[in-house]
């Protein structure tokens, strides 16, 4: 990675750490996600669903972005993945906000973070921050 991290890798590093660590925490303490988001867990199935989606899925997404950050040939793939996933979350959350209102602070902050992440990923792609790596195949 050299002596510094370029903008594209920075987006992947920060996003990967946030999603990865939050996800891992939620695997073992799904009550955190339930409490922050205002979700109820009336059954064992509901708790397991929180562990899977807020925990496992987000942890895997974060780890994938960290892997893409480490391997130069995968930076652009990681950025496109971050744009698609964070952008999809922001879009769906925005639709929910427009249909039902703002909800709590968690919803607003999550929307801002997700939209910001998608915009930062697009900015990195458009600025050419990952352009030096896009023509080389990923080496694992």
C-alpha atoms as a PDB file:
ATOM      1  CA  UNK A   1       0.000   0.000   0.000  1.00  0.00           C
ATOM      2  CA  UNK A   2       2.954   2.300   0.252  1.00  0.00           C
ATOM      3  CA  UNK A   3       3.382   5.106   2.736  1.00  0.00           C
ATOM      4  CA  UNK A   4      -0.152   6.381   2.424  1.00  0.00           C
ATOM      5  CA  UNK A   5      -3.612   5.177   1.517  1.00  0.00           C
ATOM      6  CA  UNK A   6      -5.204   6.786  -1.529  1.00  0.00           C
ATOM      7  CA  UNK A   7      -8.788   8.022  -1.452  1.00  0.00           C
ATOM      8  CA  UNK A   8     -10.303   4.849  -2.929  1.00  0.00           C
ATOM      9  CA  UNK A   9      -8.537   2.596  -0.469  1.00  0.00           C
ATOM     10  CA  UNK A  10      -9.453   4.981   2.323  1.00  0.00           C
ATOM     11  CA  UNK A  11     -13.138   4.618   1.455  1.00  0.00           C
ATOM     12  CA  UNK A  12     -12.767   0.829   1.475  1.00  0.00           C
ATOM     13  CA  UNK A  13     -10.792   0.809   4.723  1.00  0.00           C
ATOM     14  CA  UNK A  14     -13.199   3.028   6.678  1.00  0.00           C
ATOM     15  CA  UNK A  15     -16.332   1.402   5.274  1.00  0.00           C
ATOM     16  CA  UNK A  16     -14.905  -2.089   5.740  1.00  0.00           C
ATOM     17  CA  UNK A  17     -13.990  -1.416   9.356  1.00  0.00           C
ATOM     18  CA  UNK A  18     -17.354   0.143  10.207  1.00  0.00           C
ATOM     19  CA  UNK A  19     -19.460  -2.579   8.595  1.00  0.00           C
ATOM     20  CA  UNK A  20     -17.109  -5.383   9.644  1.00  0.00           C
ATOM     21  CA  UNK A  21     -16.826  -4.444  13.304  1.00  0.00           C
ATOM     22  CA  UNK A  22     -20.496  -3.529  13.692  1.00  0.00           C
ATOM     23  CA  UNK A  23     -21.474  -6.770  11.990  1.00  0.00           C
ATOM     24  CA  UNK A  24     -19.230  -8.917  14.150  1.00  0.00           C
ATOM     25  CA  UNK A  25     -20.564  -7.239  17.258  1.00  0.00           C
ATOM     26  CA  UNK A  26     -24.162  -7.831  16.144  1.00  0.00           C
ATOM     27  CA  UNK A  27     -23.508 -11.532  15.559  1.00  0.00           C
ATOM     28  CA  UNK A  28     -22.801 -11.930  19.259  1.00  0.00           C
ATOM     29  CA  UNK A  29     -25.101  -9.189  20.597  1.00  0.00           C
ATOM     30  CA  UNK A  30     -28.092  -8.761  18.279  1.00  0.00           C
ATOM     31  CA  UNK A  31     -29.792  -6.723  20.991  1.00  0.00           C
ATOM     32  CA  UNK A  32     -27.487  -3.851  19.985  1.00  0.00           C
ATOM     33  CA  UNK A  33     -29.003  -3.667  16.506  1.00  0.00           C
ATOM     34  CA  UNK A  34     -32.515  -4.117  17.883  1.00  0.00           C
ATOM     35  CA  UNK A  35     -32.040  -1.373  20.438  1.00  0.00           C
ATOM     36  CA  UNK A  36     -30.459   1.132  18.044  1.00  0.00           C
ATOM     37  CA  UNK A  37     -32.965   0.607  15.262  1.00  0.00           C
ATOM     38  CA  UNK A  38     -36.074   0.197  17.410  1.00  0.00           C
ATOM     39  CA  UNK A  39     -36.746  -3.335  16.189  1.00  0.00           C
ATOM     40  CA  UNK A  40     -38.486  -5.840  18.415  1.00  0.00           C
ATOM     41  CA  UNK A  41     -37.381  -9.441  18.781  1.00  0.00           C
ATOM     42  CA  UNK A  42     -40.476 -11.336  19.945  1.00  0.00           C
ATOM     43  CA  UNK A  43     -39.155 -14.739  18.891  1.00  0.00           C
ATOM     44  CA  UNK A  44     -36.013 -16.789  18.501  1.00  0.00           C
ATOM     45  CA  UNK A  45     -36.423 -16.480  14.723  1.00  0.00           C
ATOM     46  CA  UNK A  46     -36.369 -12.689  14.994  1.00  0.00           C
ATOM     47  CA  UNK A  47     -33.145 -12.756  17.027  1.00  0.00           C
ATOM     48  CA  UNK A  48     -31.479 -15.121  14.553  1.00  0.00           C
ATOM     49  CA  UNK A  49     -32.586 -12.899  11.656  1.00  0.00           C
ATOM     50  CA  UNK A  50     -30.907  -9.913  13.329  1.00  0.00           C
ATOM     51  CA  UNK A  51     -27.765 -11.977  13.841  1.00  0.00           C
ATOM     52  CA  UNK A  52     -27.764 -13.007  10.184  1.00  0.00           C
ATOM     53  CA  UNK A  53     -28.581  -9.669   8.514  1.00  0.00           C
ATOM     54  CA  UNK A  54     -27.158  -7.089  10.919  1.00  0.00           C
ATOM     55  CA  UNK A  55     -24.382  -9.423  11.992  1.00  0.00           C
ATOM     56  CA  UNK A  56     -23.251 -11.955   9.429  1.00  0.00           C
ATOM     57  CA  UNK A  57     -24.142 -10.066   6.262  1.00  0.00           C
ATOM     58  CA  UNK A  58     -22.631  -6.775   7.394  1.00  0.00           C
ATOM     59  CA  UNK A  59     -19.523  -8.464   8.782  1.00  0.00           C
ATOM     60  CA  UNK A  60     -18.962 -10.325   5.507  1.00  0.00           C
ATOM     61  CA  UNK A  61     -19.514  -7.123   3.504  1.00  0.00           C
ATOM     62  CA  UNK A  62     -16.987  -5.285   5.670  1.00  0.00           C
ATOM     63  CA  UNK A  63     -14.414  -8.072   5.399  1.00  0.00           C
ATOM     64  CA  UNK A  64     -14.861  -8.167   1.618  1.00  0.00           C
ATOM     65  CA  UNK A  65     -14.159  -4.423   1.408  1.00  0.00           C
ATOM     66  CA  UNK A  66     -11.059  -4.824   3.584  1.00  0.00           C
ATOM     67  CA  UNK A  67      -9.773  -7.582   1.295  1.00  0.00           C
ATOM     68  CA  UNK A  68     -10.401  -5.332  -1.717  1.00  0.00           C
ATOM     69  CA  UNK A  69      -8.476  -2.557   0.054  1.00  0.00           C
ATOM     70  CA  UNK A  70      -5.435  -4.782   0.544  1.00  0.00           C
ATOM     71  CA  UNK A  71      -5.179  -6.168  -2.996  1.00  0.00           C
ATOM     72  CA  UNK A  72      -4.534  -3.410  -5.573  1.00  0.00           C
ATOM     73  CA  UNK A  73      -6.255  -5.278  -8.388  1.00  0.00           C
ATOM     74  CA  UNK A  74      -9.478  -5.434  -6.386  1.00  0.00           C
ATOM     75  CA  UNK A  75      -9.855  -1.782  -5.361  1.00  0.00           C
ATOM     76  CA  UNK A  76     -12.274  -0.854  -8.164  1.00  0.00           C
ATOM     77  CA  UNK A  77     -14.370  -3.985  -7.554  1.00  0.00           C
ATOM     78  CA  UNK A  78     -14.559  -3.101  -3.877  1.00  0.00           C
ATOM     79  CA  UNK A  79     -15.563   0.473  -4.625  1.00  0.00           C
ATOM     80  CA  UNK A  80     -18.325  -0.638  -7.000  1.00  0.00           C
ATOM     81  CA  UNK A  81     -19.515  -3.099  -4.360  1.00  0.00           C
ATOM     82  CA  UNK A  82     -19.539  -0.366  -1.700  1.00  0.00           C
ATOM     83  CA  UNK A  83     -21.441   1.980  -4.030  1.00  0.00           C
ATOM     84  CA  UNK A  84     -24.026  -0.688  -4.860  1.00  0.00           C
ATOM     85  CA  UNK A  85     -24.560  -1.933  -1.314  1.00  0.00           C
ATOM     86  CA  UNK A  86     -24.449   1.388   0.569  1.00  0.00           C
ATOM     87  CA  UNK A  87     -26.380   3.067  -2.235  1.00  0.00           C
ATOM     88  CA  UNK A  88     -29.032   0.353  -2.130  1.00  0.00           C
ATOM     89  CA  UNK A  89     -29.392   0.736   1.619  1.00  0.00           C
ATOM     90  CA  UNK A  90     -29.633   4.530   1.307  1.00  0.00           C
ATOM     91  CA  UNK A  91     -32.164   4.300  -1.521  1.00  0.00           C
ATOM     92  CA  UNK A  92     -34.420   1.877   0.353  1.00  0.00           C
ATOM     93  CA  UNK A  93     -34.064   3.865   3.577  1.00  0.00           C
ATOM     94  CA  UNK A  94     -34.880   7.061   1.675  1.00  0.00           C
ATOM     95  CA  UNK A  95     -38.022   5.456   0.245  1.00  0.00           C
ATOM     96  CA  UNK A  96     -38.996   4.380   3.764  1.00  0.00           C
ATOM     97  CA  UNK A  97     -38.404   7.885   5.109  1.00  0.00           C
ATOM     98  CA  UNK A  98     -40.498   9.414   2.333  1.00  0.00           C
ATOM     99  CA  UNK A  99     -43.322   6.949   3.016  1.00  0.00           C
ATOM    100  CA  UNK A 100     -43.290   6.893   6.825  1.00  0.00           C
ATOM    101  CA  UNK A 101     -41.382   9.949   8.057  1.00  0.00           C
ATOM    102  CA  UNK A 102     -37.959  10.307   9.605  1.00  0.00           C
ATOM    103  CA  UNK A 103     -38.291   7.801  12.416  1.00  0.00           C
ATOM    104  CA  UNK A 104     -35.575   7.972  15.030  1.00  0.00           C
ATOM    105  CA  UNK A 105     -32.058   9.332  15.015  1.00  0.00           C
ATOM    106  CA  UNK A 106     -30.660   5.925  14.021  1.00  0.00           C
ATOM    107  CA  UNK A 107     -32.596   5.990  10.737  1.00  0.00           C
ATOM    108  CA  UNK A 108     -31.464   9.513   9.881  1.00  0.00           C
ATOM    109  CA  UNK A 109     -27.820   8.875  10.770  1.00  0.00           C
ATOM    110  CA  UNK A 110     -27.778   5.553   8.926  1.00  0.00           C
ATOM    111  CA  UNK A 111     -29.245   7.234   5.826  1.00  0.00           C
ATOM    112  CA  UNK A 112     -26.624  10.000   5.942  1.00  0.00           C
ATOM    113  CA  UNK A 113     -23.800   7.494   6.434  1.00  0.00           C
ATOM    114  CA  UNK A 114     -24.992   5.143   3.679  1.00  0.00           C
ATOM    115  CA  UNK A 115     -25.612   7.922   1.155  1.00  0.00           C
ATOM    116  CA  UNK A 116     -22.262   9.504   2.045  1.00  0.00           C
ATOM    117  CA  UNK A 117     -20.474   6.202   1.599  1.00  0.00           C
ATOM    118  CA  UNK A 118     -22.051   5.657  -1.827  1.00  0.00           C
ATOM    119  CA  UNK A 119     -21.130   9.203  -2.886  1.00  0.00           C
ATOM    120  CA  UNK A 120     -17.565   8.819  -1.591  1.00  0.00           C
ATOM    121  CA  UNK A 121     -17.197   5.540  -3.481  1.00  0.00           C
ATOM    122  CA  UNK A 122     -18.456   7.148  -6.687  1.00  0.00           C
ATOM    123  CA  UNK A 123     -16.155  10.105  -6.158  1.00  0.00           C
ATOM    124  CA  UNK A 124     -13.189   7.771  -5.746  1.00  0.00           C
ATOM    125  CA  UNK A 125     -14.112   5.920  -8.918  1.00  0.00           C
ATOM    126  CA  UNK A 126     -14.659   9.119 -10.888  1.00  0.00           C
ATOM    127  CA  UNK A 127     -11.493  10.801  -9.616  1.00  0.00           C
ATOM    128  CA  UNK A 128      -9.394   7.918 -10.842  1.00  0.00           C
ATOM    129  CA  UNK A 129      -8.247   7.119  -7.304  1.00  0.00           C
ATOM    130  CA  UNK A 130      -8.450   3.474  -8.264  1.00  0.00           C
ATOM    131  CA  UNK A 131      -7.632   3.890 -11.958  1.00  0.00           C
ATOM    132  CA  UNK A 132      -4.084   2.622 -11.652  1.00  0.00           C
ATOM    133  CA  UNK A 133      -5.430  -0.708 -10.484  1.00  0.00           C
ATOM    134  CA  UNK A 134      -8.393  -1.274 -12.773  1.00  0.00           C
ATOM    135  CA  UNK A 135      -6.554  -2.809 -15.685  1.00  0.00           C
ATOM    136  CA  UNK A 136      -4.708  -5.450 -13.702  1.00  0.00           C
ATOM    137  CA  UNK A 137      -6.496  -8.638 -12.773  1.00  0.00           C
ATOM    138  CA  UNK A 138      -6.886  -9.322  -9.115  1.00  0.00           C
ATOM    139  CA  UNK A 139      -4.121 -11.462  -7.683  1.00  0.00           C
ATOM    140  CA  UNK A 140      -5.051 -13.408  -4.625  1.00  0.00           C
END
